[in-house]
């Protein structure tokens, strides 16, 4: 407990209260302590790799009769739900694949308490697919019960499990290289980096693209903050001569927020400042480029991975990457020219 307390910067008393589920610490502090404990290996379950299991092929797994219930777990976040333009199609892909396999689906929004299985029987759940950012305590509860788990578009350093992602680094790097080839030289990135693993990966891909093209971009920290209002305020405070040629955004929704802020300054988009996105969810906005994510396929491949994991519980965990297609909207580039 002292090691966890030192790493988390809290008292040993707070660690004790947090790990035993007792009152006396805030939810934020408790989750931070639990995450730190997981990172230090406090909850670690050592897998026992079996060379025989690793020979089971995906085709063999899918050929078997699959029965039982799969829990689909959504975060308790307004923007990450089944009605979302991004997460809705991901769920549709999960649902369609499970229906193909004849398996039952139980959909649940992440409970406020980490004692999820006080209302669910873990023995009745064959596996869990999480969609988006799930809190560390809930993930650890699933992990410690050894229920097969696959996470879509999220990972947590406190646990090891299978994940399915878009290839964000490669996709964003390709987008930046295409922009540079079209003559753009002055870049900025906008995105809520603390918000999601995918956003941080897209930031990395952005930096890699600039490095390949040997372009220097002094990043404005105000565009990497958590809140959209703060991003918009940063744009409003830019001197007109400091507004870049292109703002590369972490996703299409961020691009929409940036476009609104630029227009409030009477900056013409894309003629004076171009804006790019990622996800391909807002075709009506003047976003000059985006990356089309195969959302239904993300969901389907998460099911495939979970069914494979159920049949192969003792082999190393895997991280699946799905290619994203870069879309350059030439009609907006012609306006700039």
Protein backbone atom coordinates (compact mmCIF):
# COMPACT_ATOMS: atom_id res chain seq x y z
CA UNK A 1 0.00 0.00 0.00
CA UNK A 2 2.87 2.37 0.70
CA UNK A 3 4.29 1.81 -2.80
CA UNK A 4 0.89 2.57 -4.33
CA UNK A 5 0.51 5.64 -2.11
CA UNK A 6 3.93 6.94 -3.13
CA UNK A 7 3.23 6.40 -6.84
CA UNK A 8 -0.21 8.00 -6.65
CA UNK A 9 0.84 10.87 -4.43
CA UNK A 10 -1.75 10.13 -1.73
CA UNK A 11 -1.77 8.78 1.80
CA UNK A 12 -1.69 5.08 2.67
CA UNK A 13 -5.03 5.63 4.40
CA UNK A 14 -6.56 6.80 1.09
CA UNK A 15 -5.15 3.73 -0.67
CA UNK A 16 -6.67 1.44 1.94
CA UNK A 17 -10.09 3.08 1.67
CA UNK A 18 -10.00 3.03 -2.13
CA UNK A 19 -8.96 -0.60 -2.55
CA UNK A 20 -11.45 -1.91 0.01
CA UNK A 21 -14.33 0.11 -1.47
CA UNK A 22 -14.92 2.07 1.73
CA UNK A 23 -16.04 5.73 1.83
CA UNK A 24 -13.62 8.52 2.60
CA UNK A 25 -12.15 9.25 -0.85
CA UNK A 26 -13.70 10.87 -3.91
CA UNK A 27 -14.61 8.80 -6.97
CA UNK A 28 -11.90 10.57 -8.96
CA UNK A 29 -9.23 9.79 -6.34
CA UNK A 30 -10.41 6.22 -5.96
CA UNK A 31 -10.22 5.56 -9.70
CA UNK A 32 -6.76 7.13 -9.85
CA UNK A 33 -5.56 4.91 -6.97
CA UNK A 34 -7.05 1.77 -8.54
CA UNK A 35 -5.43 2.61 -11.89
CA UNK A 36 -2.06 3.17 -10.21
CA UNK A 37 -2.37 -0.12 -8.34
CA UNK A 38 -3.11 -1.90 -11.59
CA UNK A 39 -0.13 -0.31 -13.31
CA UNK A 40 2.10 -1.53 -10.47
CA UNK A 41 0.82 -5.07 -11.01
CA UNK A 42 -1.35 -5.22 -7.90
CA UNK A 43 -4.16 -7.01 -9.78
CA UNK A 44 -2.00 -8.81 -12.30
CA UNK A 45 -3.06 -12.31 -13.33
CA UNK A 46 -0.23 -14.20 -14.96
CA UNK A 47 -1.42 -16.00 -18.11
CA UNK A 48 -0.28 -19.59 -18.62
CA UNK A 49 0.62 -19.83 -22.26
CA UNK A 50 -0.02 -23.16 -23.87
CA UNK A 51 1.67 -24.01 -27.15
CA UNK A 52 -1.10 -26.43 -28.10
CA UNK A 53 -3.80 -23.75 -27.76
CA UNK A 54 -1.93 -21.40 -30.07
CA UNK A 55 -2.46 -23.81 -32.96
CA UNK A 56 -6.24 -23.39 -32.91
CA UNK A 57 -7.12 -21.55 -36.10
CA UNK A 58 -9.75 -18.85 -36.48
CA UNK A 59 -11.59 -21.00 -39.01
CA UNK A 60 -11.80 -23.85 -36.50
CA UNK A 61 -13.23 -21.48 -33.89
CA UNK A 62 -15.90 -20.03 -36.18
CA UNK A 63 -16.92 -23.49 -37.31
CA UNK A 64 -17.96 -24.48 -33.80
CA UNK A 65 -21.42 -23.85 -32.41
CA UNK A 66 -21.38 -20.74 -30.25
CA UNK A 67 -23.93 -20.36 -27.49
CA UNK A 68 -24.48 -18.08 -24.54
CA UNK A 69 -24.66 -14.38 -23.80
CA UNK A 70 -22.14 -11.69 -24.71
CA UNK A 71 -22.21 -8.49 -22.65
CA UNK A 72 -21.73 -5.27 -24.65
CA UNK A 73 -20.61 -2.56 -22.24
CA UNK A 74 -20.92 1.14 -23.11
CA UNK A 75 -19.33 3.92 -21.03
CA UNK A 76 -21.45 6.28 -18.97
CA UNK A 77 -20.55 9.17 -21.28
CA UNK A 78 -23.13 11.10 -23.29
CA UNK A 79 -21.07 11.16 -26.50
CA UNK A 80 -20.33 7.43 -26.44
CA UNK A 81 -23.60 5.57 -26.92
CA UNK A 82 -25.63 3.67 -29.51
CA UNK A 83 -27.10 6.87 -31.03
CA UNK A 84 -23.61 8.24 -31.79
CA UNK A 85 -22.61 8.59 -35.45
CA UNK A 86 -19.37 6.80 -34.54
CA UNK A 87 -20.30 4.28 -31.85
CA UNK A 88 -23.73 3.39 -33.27
CA UNK A 89 -22.29 1.68 -36.39
CA UNK A 90 -19.66 -0.06 -34.23
CA UNK A 91 -22.46 -1.56 -32.15
CA UNK A 92 -24.36 -2.50 -35.34
CA UNK A 93 -21.28 -4.45 -36.48
CA UNK A 94 -21.07 -6.24 -33.13
CA UNK A 95 -24.77 -7.04 -33.11
CA UNK A 96 -24.84 -8.33 -36.69
CA UNK A 97 -21.88 -10.65 -36.13
CA UNK A 98 -23.29 -12.04 -32.87
CA UNK A 99 -26.63 -12.64 -34.58
CA UNK A 100 -24.79 -14.55 -37.33
CA UNK A 101 -23.29 -16.74 -34.61
CA UNK A 102 -26.64 -17.27 -32.89
CA UNK A 103 -25.47 -15.74 -29.61
CA UNK A 104 -27.50 -13.63 -27.18
CA UNK A 105 -26.65 -9.97 -26.59
CA UNK A 106 -26.92 -8.08 -23.31
CA UNK A 107 -26.27 -4.34 -23.63
CA UNK A 108 -25.36 -2.39 -20.51
CA UNK A 109 -24.28 1.17 -19.77
CA UNK A 110 -21.34 1.25 -17.39
CA UNK A 111 -22.71 1.35 -13.82
CA UNK A 112 -21.68 4.14 -11.46
CA UNK A 113 -20.49 1.51 -8.98
CA UNK A 114 -17.66 -0.89 -9.79
CA UNK A 115 -19.71 -3.77 -8.36
CA UNK A 116 -21.29 -4.54 -11.73
CA UNK A 117 -21.70 -8.23 -11.09
CA UNK A 118 -23.78 -7.68 -7.98
CA UNK A 119 -26.71 -7.44 -10.42
CA UNK A 120 -25.28 -9.74 -13.11
CA UNK A 121 -24.32 -13.37 -12.81
CA UNK A 122 -20.76 -13.64 -14.16
CA UNK A 123 -21.21 -17.35 -14.82
CA UNK A 124 -23.95 -16.51 -17.34
CA UNK A 125 -21.65 -14.19 -19.36
CA UNK A 126 -19.50 -15.93 -21.98
CA UNK A 127 -17.54 -12.79 -22.77
CA UNK A 128 -17.52 -8.99 -22.69
CA UNK A 129 -16.95 -6.43 -25.44
CA UNK A 130 -16.42 -2.85 -24.27
CA UNK A 131 -17.18 -0.01 -26.66
CA UNK A 132 -15.22 3.16 -25.90
CA UNK A 133 -13.68 4.38 -22.66
CA UNK A 134 -14.61 2.24 -19.65
CA UNK A 135 -13.37 3.09 -16.15
CA UNK A 136 -10.45 1.16 -14.72
CA UNK A 137 -12.37 -0.27 -11.70
CA UNK A 138 -15.04 -1.81 -13.96
CA UNK A 139 -12.42 -3.26 -16.31
CA UNK A 140 -10.52 -4.72 -13.37
CA UNK A 141 -13.66 -6.38 -12.06
CA UNK A 142 -14.14 -8.14 -15.41
CA UNK A 143 -10.43 -8.99 -15.58
CA UNK A 144 -10.24 -10.49 -12.09
CA UNK A 145 -13.26 -12.71 -12.81
CA UNK A 146 -11.36 -14.02 -15.85
CA UNK A 147 -14.23 -13.32 -18.20
CA UNK A 148 -12.92 -13.14 -21.80
CA UNK A 149 -12.70 -9.46 -22.70
CA UNK A 150 -12.15 -7.49 -25.91
CA UNK A 151 -12.00 -3.67 -25.89
CA UNK A 152 -12.90 -1.60 -28.95
CA UNK A 153 -11.01 1.69 -29.34
CA UNK A 154 -9.68 1.71 -25.79
CA UNK A 155 -6.89 0.22 -23.71
CA UNK A 156 -5.92 0.48 -20.07
CA UNK A 157 -2.39 0.17 -18.72
CA UNK A 158 -3.72 -1.52 -15.57
CA UNK A 159 -4.77 -4.70 -17.39
CA UNK A 160 -3.77 -6.84 -20.36
CA UNK A 161 -6.47 -7.95 -22.79
CA UNK A 162 -7.32 -8.12 -26.49
CA UNK A 163 -8.10 -4.82 -28.23
CA UNK A 164 -9.38 -3.73 -31.64
CA UNK A 165 -8.41 -0.31 -33.00
CA UNK A 166 -8.36 1.67 -36.19
CA UNK A 167 -4.75 2.08 -37.36
CA UNK A 168 -4.78 5.69 -36.15
CA UNK A 169 -1.04 6.33 -36.38
CA UNK A 170 -0.70 5.19 -39.97
CA UNK A 171 -3.96 6.86 -41.04
CA UNK A 172 -3.06 10.27 -39.63
CA UNK A 173 0.49 10.05 -40.92
CA UNK A 174 -0.82 9.36 -44.45
CA UNK A 175 -3.24 12.28 -44.18
CA UNK A 176 -0.46 14.70 -43.19
CA UNK A 177 1.78 13.44 -46.00
CA UNK A 178 -1.01 14.06 -48.51
CA UNK A 179 -1.56 17.59 -47.17
CA UNK A 180 2.16 18.34 -47.40
CA UNK A 181 2.21 17.04 -50.97
CA UNK A 182 -0.54 19.55 -51.79
CA UNK A 183 1.64 22.40 -50.56
CA UNK A 184 0.55 22.96 -46.98
CA UNK A 185 3.46 23.98 -44.77
CA UNK A 186 2.11 25.69 -41.64
CA UNK A 187 0.26 23.17 -39.44
CA UNK A 188 -1.48 22.99 -36.08
CA UNK A 189 -3.13 20.00 -34.40
CA UNK A 190 -6.39 20.23 -32.42
CA UNK A 191 -7.65 17.43 -30.21
CA UNK A 192 -8.47 16.45 -26.65
CA UNK A 193 -5.35 14.38 -26.03
CA UNK A 194 -6.25 13.27 -22.48
CA UNK A 195 -9.63 12.11 -23.75
CA UNK A 196 -8.93 8.93 -25.71
CA UNK A 197 -6.17 6.56 -26.73
CA UNK A 198 -7.10 7.03 -30.40
CA UNK A 199 -6.64 10.80 -30.17
CA UNK A 200 -3.16 10.38 -28.73
CA UNK A 201 -2.28 7.93 -31.50
CA UNK A 202 -3.51 10.39 -34.13
CA UNK A 203 -1.34 13.09 -32.54
CA UNK A 204 1.62 10.70 -32.83
CA UNK A 205 0.82 10.00 -36.50
CA UNK A 206 0.56 13.76 -37.12
CA UNK A 207 4.01 14.34 -35.61
CA UNK A 208 5.48 11.47 -37.61
CA UNK A 209 4.08 12.93 -40.84
CA UNK A 210 5.63 16.32 -40.12
CA UNK A 211 8.96 14.68 -39.31
CA UNK A 212 8.98 12.74 -42.59
CA UNK A 213 8.34 15.97 -44.53
CA UNK A 214 10.84 17.89 -42.37
CA UNK A 215 8.21 20.47 -41.46
CA UNK A 216 8.49 22.48 -38.26
CA UNK A 217 5.28 23.28 -36.37
CA UNK A 218 5.40 24.96 -32.96
CA UNK A 219 2.29 23.44 -31.42
CA UNK A 220 -0.10 25.74 -29.55
CA UNK A 221 -0.87 24.01 -26.23
CA UNK A 222 -4.33 25.59 -26.10
CA UNK A 223 -5.46 23.30 -28.93
CA UNK A 224 -4.56 20.14 -27.01
CA UNK A 225 -6.77 20.76 -23.97
CA UNK A 226 -9.69 18.75 -22.61
CA UNK A 227 -12.53 21.20 -23.32
CA UNK A 228 -13.91 22.37 -26.67
CA UNK A 229 -14.71 25.81 -25.25
CA UNK A 230 -11.05 26.26 -24.36
CA UNK A 231 -10.05 25.28 -27.91
CA UNK A 232 -12.45 27.81 -29.38
CA UNK A 233 -11.14 30.50 -27.05
CA UNK A 234 -7.59 29.70 -28.19
CA UNK A 235 -8.62 30.22 -31.83
CA UNK A 236 -10.28 33.52 -30.94
CA UNK A 237 -7.07 34.70 -29.26
CA UNK A 238 -4.85 33.89 -32.26
CA UNK A 239 -3.33 36.85 -34.03
CA UNK A 240 -4.56 36.77 -37.62
CA UNK A 241 -1.01 36.43 -38.92
CA UNK A 242 -0.48 33.38 -36.68
CA UNK A 243 -3.44 31.39 -38.00
CA UNK A 244 -1.97 28.34 -39.77
CA UNK A 245 -2.65 27.16 -43.30
CA UNK A 246 -4.27 23.98 -42.00
CA UNK A 247 -5.54 22.72 -38.65
CA UNK A 248 -5.44 18.92 -38.42
CA UNK A 249 -8.13 17.75 -35.99
CA UNK A 250 -8.37 14.53 -33.99
CA UNK A 251 -11.86 13.83 -35.36
CA UNK A 252 -14.63 15.38 -37.44
CA UNK A 253 -16.49 16.75 -34.40
CA UNK A 254 -13.37 18.63 -33.29
CA UNK A 255 -13.05 19.94 -36.86
CA UNK A 256 -16.62 21.30 -36.66
CA UNK A 257 -15.79 23.09 -33.37
CA UNK A 258 -12.65 24.63 -34.90
CA UNK A 259 -14.49 25.74 -38.05
CA UNK A 260 -17.09 27.54 -35.91
CA UNK A 261 -14.33 29.32 -33.99
CA UNK A 262 -12.53 30.38 -37.20
CA UNK A 263 -15.75 31.72 -38.70
CA UNK A 264 -16.36 33.76 -35.55
CA UNK A 265 -13.09 35.51 -36.44
CA UNK A 266 -14.31 36.02 -40.06
CA UNK A 267 -11.62 33.63 -41.25
CA UNK A 268 -12.74 31.96 -44.47
CA UNK A 269 -12.67 28.16 -44.37
CA UNK A 270 -10.96 26.60 -46.29
CA UNK A 271 -9.68 29.56 -48.34
CA UNK A 272 -7.69 31.17 -45.50
CA UNK A 273 -7.40 28.20 -43.15
CA UNK A 274 -8.16 24.61 -44.09
CA UNK A 275 -9.45 22.13 -41.52
CA UNK A 276 -9.21 18.32 -41.59
CA UNK A 277 -10.95 15.67 -39.51
CA UNK A 278 -10.96 11.94 -38.86
CA UNK A 279 -13.83 9.37 -38.65
CA UNK A 280 -15.87 10.59 -41.67
CA UNK A 281 -19.02 11.50 -39.72
CA UNK A 282 -19.69 15.08 -40.97
CA UNK A 283 -19.86 15.19 -44.76
CA UNK A 284 -21.76 18.52 -44.82
CA UNK A 285 -18.98 20.61 -43.23
CA UNK A 286 -16.12 22.16 -45.27
CA UNK A 287 -13.63 19.60 -43.95
CA UNK A 288 -11.04 19.25 -46.72
CA UNK A 289 -9.88 15.79 -45.67
CA UNK A 290 -10.86 13.04 -43.26
CA UNK A 291 -10.27 9.33 -42.68
CA UNK A 292 -13.09 6.87 -43.23
CA UNK A 293 -13.19 4.39 -40.38
CA UNK A 294 -14.86 1.07 -41.13
CA UNK A 295 -16.96 1.23 -37.98
CA UNK A 296 -19.16 -1.81 -38.56
CA UNK A 297 -16.06 -3.83 -39.37
CA UNK A 298 -14.45 -2.73 -36.09
CA UNK A 299 -17.41 -4.19 -34.25
CA UNK A 300 -17.49 -7.40 -36.27
CA UNK A 301 -13.77 -8.03 -35.76
CA UNK A 302 -14.18 -7.47 -32.01
CA UNK A 303 -16.69 -10.34 -31.98
CA UNK A 304 -14.36 -12.53 -34.04
CA UNK A 305 -11.54 -11.86 -31.60
CA UNK A 306 -13.71 -12.56 -28.57
CA UNK A 307 -14.92 -15.90 -29.94
CA UNK A 308 -11.33 -16.83 -30.76
CA UNK A 309 -10.24 -15.82 -27.26
CA UNK A 310 -12.96 -17.95 -25.66
CA UNK A 311 -11.51 -20.98 -27.46
CA UNK A 312 -7.89 -19.89 -26.84
CA UNK A 313 -7.79 -18.50 -23.28
CA UNK A 314 -4.10 -19.10 -22.63
CA UNK A 315 -2.32 -17.56 -25.61
CA UNK A 316 -0.79 -14.04 -25.73
CA UNK A 317 -3.14 -11.09 -26.02
CA UNK A 318 -3.48 -9.38 -29.39
CA UNK A 319 -4.01 -5.83 -30.65
CA UNK A 320 -5.90 -5.75 -33.95
CA UNK A 321 -5.51 -2.73 -36.27
CA UNK A 322 -8.05 -1.91 -38.99
CA UNK A 323 -6.99 0.24 -41.94
CA UNK A 324 -8.66 3.66 -42.43
CA UNK A 325 -9.22 5.15 -45.91
CA UNK A 326 -8.06 8.75 -46.41
CA UNK A 327 -10.64 10.95 -48.16
CA UNK A 328 -9.41 14.18 -49.81
CA UNK A 329 -12.30 16.44 -50.80
CA UNK A 330 -10.91 18.05 -53.91
CA UNK A 331 -13.76 20.58 -54.25
CA UNK A 332 -12.47 22.35 -51.14
CA UNK A 333 -8.83 22.26 -52.29
CA UNK A 334 -9.88 24.03 -55.49
CA UNK A 335 -11.34 26.88 -53.39
CA UNK A 336 -7.97 27.37 -51.72
CA UNK A 337 -6.17 27.42 -55.06
